[in-house]
Amino acid sequence: MELLTIGAFAKASRLSPKALRLYDELDLLPPARVDPDTGYRYYALAQLERARLVAWLRRLGMPLAEIRTVCALDAADAAREIRAYWARVEAETAVRRDLAAFLVEELTGESRGRHTTMLELRYAARSDRGHVRPANQDTVYAGRRLLAVADGCGPAGAPASQAAVAALRFLDEREEPATGSVLNLLEEAVRGANEAVRDLARAAGGGGEESGTTLTALLWTGSRLALVHIGDSRAYLLRDGGLFRITHDHSVVQSLIDEGRLSPEEAESHPQRALLLKALGTSGAPSVPDLRVREARDGDRYLVCSDGLTRVVPDALIKELLAAGSDPEAVVRSLIGAANAAGGPDNVSCAVADVVGSARISAVVG
């Protein structure tokens, strides 16, 4: 067996001797031989392929623990793991990209110069038990600045969803927050919601069954909507005839779709479709919500809903119903009616808000 010195192996693999010593300590890339007298490391030519893979994965930014897993797999499975890792990176980067754009606009004052038209919300919300569930564990709220939906689960699911929405309702009652501080306000409110839900879950017990809740909310700041999202409730935007989903499900099934391991069609009947990767109140480290700020336009229509709607009503029909009604209350009723017409297997909650100019609001109200 031909052996290379650590220096020669480092040059061939494009890994530094320091990195090779670290990977040896972590048992990720142990040398083929260590001189018992000098402690000098020697590597086999056959180890170059693995070393180069480690080098490329480090350049990709993959953590060492995941690299160890990838290196233990055959080529096909390793490729799937790399694809899955990069899908997660892209999803996280998209959130950070939006936050970076928001911060640049705030610091340069670009956004303040663009917004001269006064915009307001016209809104409606409704929740329904459905035809199958014995109780309603959803909570929905719509106000002049806040839309929120929470979908509880477990023994304390109903009070958990109520507590989550209640933790945000003060934002609707206070003076309009400055755009620059709105994300901090939402983050703090969600932190309080998580603690409240955990307290309820501990008090409820449940014989090992966890209680928790999703939370998806939009907070109006006068020209923008700040989004906070955790779980698999959703938010949609209807703009210029197109429907856009503006949240990403934190679910096992969605992660499998992102990683290319499952098609959207297969996901509809997957046995773990209700299993969440993130929720408020669950054990372990507190889940980090998605936080974004979106520009609002006159004529936009927003929908925030629980998965009792989206599991049984396809996006095409949601778009049709959102576009058909002129009044948010009528639209909410039609959406819930569609979910119940499809069997109503779950609680269903919807909040719909139209972004309209102040003059249009006055005309409607007057």
Protein backbone atom coordinates (compact mmCIF):
# COMPACT_ATOMS: atom_id res chain seq x y z
CA MET A 1 0.00 0.00 0.00
CA GLU A 2 1.51 3.27 -1.13
CA LEU A 3 1.49 5.92 1.61
CA LEU A 4 1.74 9.68 1.39
CA THR A 5 3.11 11.99 4.05
CA ILE A 6 0.59 14.36 5.60
CA GLY A 7 2.14 17.21 3.61
CA ALA A 8 1.85 15.40 0.28
CA PHE A 9 -1.65 14.20 1.11
CA ALA A 10 -2.70 17.72 2.11
CA LYS A 11 -1.50 19.07 -1.23
CA ALA A 12 -3.24 16.32 -3.21
CA SER A 13 -6.53 16.62 -1.33
CA ARG A 14 -6.50 20.43 -0.98
CA LEU A 15 -6.91 20.11 2.76
CA SER A 16 -4.41 21.77 5.07
CA PRO A 17 -2.34 19.64 7.48
CA LYS A 18 -4.15 21.46 10.30
CA ALA A 19 -7.54 20.39 8.89
CA LEU A 20 -6.31 16.81 8.46
CA ARG A 21 -5.23 16.68 12.09
CA LEU A 22 -8.66 17.97 13.16
CA TYR A 23 -10.47 15.39 11.00
CA ASP A 24 -8.30 12.69 12.50
CA GLU A 25 -9.31 13.78 16.01
CA LEU A 26 -12.97 13.70 14.95
CA ASP A 27 -12.52 10.25 13.37
CA LEU A 28 -13.74 11.71 10.09
CA LEU A 29 -10.55 11.05 8.13
CA PRO A 30 -8.08 9.00 10.22
CA PRO A 31 -4.67 8.36 8.66
CA ALA A 32 -3.75 4.93 7.34
CA ARG A 33 -0.70 4.81 9.59
CA VAL A 34 0.77 6.80 12.47
CA ASP A 35 4.46 6.44 13.23
CA PRO A 36 4.64 5.11 16.81
CA ASP A 37 7.85 7.03 17.53
CA THR A 38 7.28 10.41 15.89
CA GLY A 39 3.48 10.45 15.73
CA TYR A 40 3.77 11.44 12.07
CA ARG A 41 0.67 10.71 9.99
CA TYR A 42 0.65 8.86 6.69
CA TYR A 43 -2.30 8.51 4.31
CA ALA A 44 -3.14 5.97 1.63
CA LEU A 45 -3.79 6.98 -1.97
CA ALA A 46 -7.19 5.30 -1.68
CA GLN A 47 -8.20 7.91 0.92
CA LEU A 48 -7.93 10.77 -1.54
CA GLU A 49 -11.46 10.35 -2.87
CA ARG A 50 -12.97 10.66 0.60
CA ALA A 51 -10.65 13.56 1.48
CA ARG A 52 -11.66 15.48 -1.64
CA LEU A 53 -15.34 14.89 -0.85
CA VAL A 54 -14.78 16.25 2.65
CA ALA A 55 -13.01 19.30 1.20
CA TRP A 56 -15.85 20.06 -1.22
CA LEU A 57 -18.51 19.58 1.44
CA ARG A 58 -16.66 21.97 3.75
CA ARG A 59 -16.55 24.53 0.94
CA LEU A 60 -20.30 24.02 0.63
CA GLY A 61 -20.62 24.94 4.31
CA MET A 62 -21.87 21.59 5.55
CA PRO A 63 -21.29 20.95 9.27
CA LEU A 64 -18.78 18.26 10.16
CA ALA A 65 -21.41 16.04 11.80
CA GLU A 66 -23.39 15.93 8.55
CA ILE A 67 -20.23 15.37 6.50
CA ARG A 68 -19.51 12.28 8.60
CA THR A 69 -22.98 10.97 7.76
CA VAL A 70 -22.59 11.67 4.03
CA CYS A 71 -19.17 10.02 3.87
CA ALA A 72 -20.59 6.81 5.35
CA LEU A 73 -23.17 6.46 2.55
CA ASP A 74 -22.96 5.03 -0.93
CA ALA A 75 -22.85 7.47 -3.84
CA ALA A 76 -26.60 7.59 -4.53
CA ASP A 77 -27.59 8.10 -0.90
CA ALA A 78 -24.80 10.64 -0.40
CA ALA A 79 -26.09 12.61 -3.38
CA ARG A 80 -29.59 12.66 -1.89
CA GLU A 81 -28.26 13.93 1.45
CA ILE A 82 -26.30 16.70 -0.27
CA ARG A 83 -29.41 17.71 -2.23
CA ALA A 84 -31.43 17.76 0.98
CA TYR A 85 -28.82 19.87 2.77
CA TRP A 86 -28.72 22.42 -0.03
CA ALA A 87 -32.52 22.66 -0.12
CA ARG A 88 -32.45 23.66 3.55
CA VAL A 89 -29.72 26.22 2.88
CA GLU A 90 -31.71 27.79 0.05
CA ALA A 91 -34.85 28.03 2.19
CA GLU A 92 -32.92 29.72 5.01
CA THR A 93 -31.13 32.02 2.56
CA ALA A 94 -34.43 33.20 1.09
CA VAL A 95 -35.58 34.39 4.52
CA ARG A 96 -32.26 36.13 5.19
CA ARG A 97 -32.34 37.74 1.72
CA ASP A 98 -35.71 39.35 2.45
CA LEU A 99 -34.47 40.59 5.81
CA ALA A 100 -31.32 42.02 4.21
CA ALA A 101 -33.39 43.90 1.61
CA PHE A 102 -35.64 45.24 4.35
CA LEU A 103 -32.68 46.47 6.41
CA VAL A 104 -31.04 48.15 3.41
CA GLU A 105 -34.24 50.02 2.61
CA GLU A 106 -34.70 51.09 6.22
CA LEU A 107 -31.12 52.33 6.56
CA THR A 108 -31.10 54.21 3.26
CA GLY A 109 -34.63 55.60 3.57
CA GLU A 110 -35.56 54.23 0.15
CA SER A 111 -38.87 52.80 1.31
CA ARG A 112 -39.99 55.98 3.08
CA GLY A 113 -39.66 57.96 -0.12
CA ARG A 114 -41.88 55.59 -2.09
CA HIS A 115 -44.98 55.42 0.14
CA THR A 116 -47.27 58.42 -0.09
CA THR A 117 -50.66 56.75 -0.52
CA MET A 118 -52.50 56.00 2.71
CA LEU A 119 -53.53 52.34 2.78
CA GLU A 120 -55.71 50.47 5.22
CA LEU A 121 -57.10 46.98 5.74
CA ARG A 122 -60.65 45.76 5.28
CA TYR A 123 -60.93 42.36 6.93
CA ALA A 124 -62.99 39.39 8.13
CA ALA A 125 -62.27 36.14 9.98
CA ARG A 126 -64.13 32.97 10.83
CA SER A 127 -63.41 29.53 12.33
CA ASP A 128 -65.39 26.31 11.97
CA ARG A 129 -65.12 22.93 13.72
CA GLY A 130 -65.63 20.98 10.50
CA HIS A 131 -67.56 17.72 10.19
CA VAL A 132 -65.21 15.27 11.92
CA ARG A 133 -63.31 16.81 14.84
CA PRO A 134 -65.11 16.70 18.22
CA ALA A 135 -63.84 20.17 19.14
CA ASN A 136 -62.30 23.23 17.52
CA GLN A 137 -58.62 23.71 18.40
CA ASP A 138 -58.11 26.58 15.95
CA THR A 139 -58.03 30.25 16.89
CA VAL A 140 -58.35 33.05 14.34
CA TYR A 141 -58.24 36.82 14.69
CA ALA A 142 -58.59 39.78 12.32
CA GLY A 143 -58.24 43.42 13.29
CA ARG A 144 -57.25 46.73 11.78
CA ARG A 145 -53.55 45.85 12.01
CA LEU A 146 -53.34 42.11 12.71
CA LEU A 147 -54.38 38.87 11.03
CA ALA A 148 -53.53 35.67 12.90
CA VAL A 149 -54.32 31.95 12.76
CA ALA A 150 -53.15 29.29 15.21
CA ASP A 151 -53.89 25.57 14.93
CA GLY A 152 -53.50 23.74 18.22
CA CYS A 153 -52.71 20.07 18.77
CA GLY A 154 -52.58 17.71 21.75
CA PRO A 155 -54.52 17.74 25.03
CA ALA A 156 -54.16 21.52 25.44
CA GLY A 157 -54.45 22.32 21.73
CA ALA A 158 -57.38 24.73 22.02
CA PRO A 159 -56.00 26.85 24.88
CA ALA A 160 -52.55 26.70 23.25
CA SER A 161 -53.82 28.27 20.03
CA GLN A 162 -55.80 30.84 22.04
CA ALA A 163 -52.73 31.77 24.06
CA ALA A 164 -50.59 32.13 20.93
CA VAL A 165 -53.01 34.55 19.26
CA ALA A 166 -53.62 36.41 22.53
CA ALA A 167 -49.88 37.04 22.82
CA LEU A 168 -50.02 38.99 19.53
CA ARG A 169 -53.32 40.83 19.97
CA PHE A 170 -51.77 43.71 21.90
CA LEU A 171 -49.99 44.64 18.66
CA ASP A 172 -53.37 45.38 17.10
CA GLU A 173 -54.38 47.66 19.97
CA ARG A 174 -51.23 49.76 20.30
CA GLU A 175 -50.13 52.64 18.10
CA GLU A 176 -48.82 51.65 14.71
CA PRO A 177 -45.26 50.38 15.20
CA ALA A 178 -42.37 51.85 13.26
CA THR A 179 -41.42 49.58 10.40
CA GLY A 180 -37.88 49.32 11.71
CA SER A 181 -39.03 47.89 15.03
CA VAL A 182 -41.85 45.66 13.86
CA LEU A 183 -39.76 42.51 13.48
CA ASN A 184 -38.40 42.91 17.01
CA LEU A 185 -41.93 43.34 18.32
CA LEU A 186 -43.10 40.20 16.53
CA GLU A 187 -40.12 38.17 17.69
CA GLU A 188 -40.69 39.19 21.30
CA ALA A 189 -44.42 38.47 21.03
CA VAL A 190 -43.74 34.99 19.64
CA ARG A 191 -41.27 34.33 22.43
CA GLY A 192 -43.99 35.20 24.93
CA ALA A 193 -46.47 33.04 23.05
CA ASN A 194 -44.11 30.08 23.18
CA GLU A 195 -43.71 30.39 26.94
CA ALA A 196 -47.47 30.68 27.45
CA VAL A 197 -48.11 27.59 25.32
CA ARG A 198 -45.42 25.62 27.17
CA ASP A 199 -46.97 26.52 30.51
CA LEU A 200 -50.34 25.27 29.30
CA ALA A 201 -48.81 22.07 27.93
CA ARG A 202 -47.08 21.33 31.24
CA ALA A 203 -50.28 21.95 33.17
CA ALA A 204 -52.31 19.72 30.83
CA GLY A 205 -49.95 16.75 31.05
CA GLY A 206 -51.35 14.46 28.39
CA GLY A 207 -49.76 11.13 29.15
CA GLY A 208 -46.78 11.73 26.90
CA GLU A 209 -48.72 13.43 24.09
CA GLU A 210 -47.33 16.90 23.45
CA SER A 211 -49.47 20.00 23.13
CA GLY A 212 -48.51 22.86 20.86
CA THR A 213 -49.73 25.14 18.13
CA THR A 214 -48.85 26.65 14.81
CA LEU A 215 -48.91 30.43 14.42
CA THR A 216 -49.09 32.49 11.24
CA ALA A 217 -49.74 36.21 11.45
CA LEU A 218 -49.51 39.40 9.41
CA LEU A 219 -49.00 42.76 11.12
CA TRP A 220 -49.87 45.94 9.22
CA THR A 221 -47.45 48.88 9.46
CA GLY A 222 -49.14 51.36 7.12
CA SER A 223 -47.42 50.46 3.87
CA ARG A 224 -46.08 47.01 4.63
CA LEU A 225 -47.12 43.74 6.19
CA ALA A 226 -44.75 41.99 8.57
CA LEU A 227 -45.09 38.21 8.56
CA VAL A 228 -44.36 35.81 11.39
CA HIS A 229 -44.78 32.10 10.71
CA ILE A 230 -44.18 28.79 12.44
CA GLY A 231 -45.81 25.47 11.57
CA ASP A 232 -48.04 24.54 8.63
CA SER A 233 -50.78 27.15 8.72
CA ARG A 234 -50.35 29.35 5.66
CA ALA A 235 -50.53 32.87 4.25
CA TYR A 236 -51.41 33.66 0.64
CA LEU A 237 -51.38 36.81 -1.47
CA LEU A 238 -53.78 37.44 -4.36
CA ARG A 239 -52.25 40.16 -6.54
CA ASP A 240 -53.05 41.12 -10.13
CA GLY A 241 -54.96 37.88 -10.63
CA GLY A 242 -52.14 35.63 -9.41
CA LEU A 243 -52.09 33.62 -6.19
CA PHE A 244 -48.82 33.41 -4.27
CA ARG A 245 -48.10 31.38 -1.14
CA ILE A 246 -45.89 33.53 1.06
CA THR A 247 -45.15 30.98 3.80
CA HIS A 248 -43.21 27.75 3.77
CA ASP A 249 -44.59 24.79 5.73
CA HIS A 250 -42.44 23.61 8.63
CA SER A 251 -43.48 19.99 8.20
CA VAL A 252 -41.82 16.66 7.57
CA VAL A 253 -43.65 16.26 4.27
CA GLN A 254 -42.63 19.72 3.03
CA SER A 255 -38.98 19.01 3.88
CA LEU A 256 -39.19 15.78 1.87
CA ILE A 257 -40.64 17.69 -1.07
CA ASP A 258 -37.90 20.32 -0.83
CA GLU A 259 -35.26 17.60 -0.77
CA GLY A 260 -36.67 15.91 -3.85
CA ARG A 261 -37.60 12.75 -1.94
CA LEU A 262 -41.34 13.20 -2.35
CA SER A 263 -43.58 14.66 -5.03
CA PRO A 264 -46.42 17.05 -4.13
CA GLU A 265 -48.87 14.36 -5.28
CA GLU A 266 -47.29 11.74 -3.00
CA ALA A 267 -47.35 14.21 -0.12
CA GLU A 268 -51.16 14.37 -0.19
CA SER A 269 -51.45 10.81 1.12
CA HIS A 270 -48.22 10.57 3.11
CA PRO A 271 -48.77 9.04 6.59
CA GLN A 272 -46.65 11.78 8.23
CA ARG A 273 -48.31 14.72 6.50
CA ALA A 274 -49.46 16.15 9.86
CA LEU A 275 -46.05 15.86 11.54
CA LEU A 276 -44.47 19.27 12.16
CA LEU A 277 -40.80 20.17 12.32
CA LYS A 278 -41.57 23.43 14.12
CA ALA A 279 -44.37 24.50 16.45
CA LEU A 280 -44.87 26.65 19.51
CA GLY A 281 -44.79 24.98 22.91
CA THR A 282 -43.13 21.71 21.96
CA SER A 283 -40.25 20.26 23.95
CA GLY A 284 -36.64 21.00 23.13
CA ALA A 285 -35.11 24.31 22.12
CA PRO A 286 -37.62 27.03 21.19
CA SER A 287 -38.36 26.95 17.48
CA VAL A 288 -37.25 30.00 15.50
CA PRO A 289 -40.08 31.51 13.44
CA ASP A 290 -39.80 32.86 9.92
CA LEU A 291 -39.90 36.66 9.94
CA ARG A 292 -40.36 38.78 6.83
CA VAL A 293 -41.61 42.18 5.74
CA ARG A 294 -43.60 42.54 2.51
CA GLU A 295 -44.55 45.57 0.47
CA ALA A 296 -48.32 46.12 0.26
CA ARG A 297 -50.24 47.49 -2.70
CA ASP A 298 -53.70 48.88 -3.12
CA GLY A 299 -55.80 45.96 -4.38
CA ASP A 300 -53.86 43.20 -2.64
CA ARG A 301 -55.89 40.50 -0.91
CA TYR A 302 -54.31 38.39 1.84
CA LEU A 303 -55.46 35.08 3.26
CA VAL A 304 -54.19 33.50 6.48
CA CYS A 305 -55.58 30.02 7.11
CA SER A 306 -55.14 26.76 9.00
CA ASP A 307 -54.35 23.51 7.20
CA GLY A 308 -57.98 22.47 7.56
CA LEU A 309 -58.46 24.51 4.38
CA THR A 310 -55.32 23.70 2.41
CA ARG A 311 -55.40 19.94 2.97
CA VAL A 312 -58.72 19.53 1.20
CA VAL A 313 -59.10 22.62 -1.00
CA PRO A 314 -56.57 22.90 -3.85
CA ASP A 315 -54.79 26.17 -4.52
CA ALA A 316 -56.64 26.57 -7.83
CA LEU A 317 -59.99 26.65 -6.03
CA ILE A 318 -58.61 28.90 -3.28
CA LYS A 319 -57.53 31.34 -5.97
CA GLU A 320 -60.94 31.19 -7.65
CA LEU A 321 -62.80 31.85 -4.40
CA LEU A 322 -60.47 34.67 -3.36
CA ALA A 323 -60.87 36.35 -6.74
CA ALA A 324 -64.65 35.89 -6.94
CA GLY A 325 -65.82 37.73 -3.84
CA SER A 326 -65.76 41.49 -3.36
CA ASP A 327 -66.33 41.36 0.38
CA PRO A 328 -63.86 39.66 2.80
CA GLU A 329 -66.70 38.26 4.92
CA ALA A 330 -68.28 36.56 1.93
CA VAL A 331 -64.91 35.19 0.85
CA VAL A 332 -64.21 33.74 4.29
CA ARG A 333 -67.57 32.00 4.28
CA SER A 334 -67.01 30.56 0.81
CA LEU A 335 -63.57 29.21 1.73
CA ILE A 336 -64.87 27.48 4.86
CA GLY A 337 -67.82 26.20 2.89
CA ALA A 338 -65.45 24.65 0.33
CA ALA A 339 -63.48 22.88 3.08
CA ASN A 340 -66.66 21.45 4.60
CA ALA A 341 -67.98 20.46 1.17
CA ALA A 342 -64.76 18.44 0.76
CA GLY A 343 -65.62 16.48 3.90
CA GLY A 344 -64.55 18.93 6.60
CA PRO A 345 -62.05 16.46 8.12
CA ASP A 346 -60.38 19.12 10.27
CA ASN A 347 -61.05 22.44 11.94
CA VAL A 348 -60.80 25.24 9.39
CA SER A 349 -60.02 28.89 10.05
CA CYS A 350 -59.57 31.77 7.62
CA ALA A 351 -58.80 35.47 7.88
CA VAL A 352 -59.02 37.59 4.73
CA ALA A 353 -57.91 41.21 4.40
CA ASP A 354 -58.01 43.64 1.49
CA VAL A 355 -55.45 46.42 1.18
CA VAL A 356 -57.36 49.52 0.09
CA GLY A 357 -56.79 53.23 -0.10
CA SER A 358 -58.29 55.37 2.66
CA ALA A 359 -60.69 56.98 0.19
CA ARG A 360 -61.99 53.57 -0.84
CA ILE A 361 -62.46 52.62 2.84
CA SER A 362 -64.50 55.78 3.41
CA ALA A 363 -66.64 55.08 0.38
CA VAL A 364 -67.35 51.54 1.54
CA VAL A 365 -68.09 52.53 5.13
CA GLY A 366 -70.10 55.63 4.23
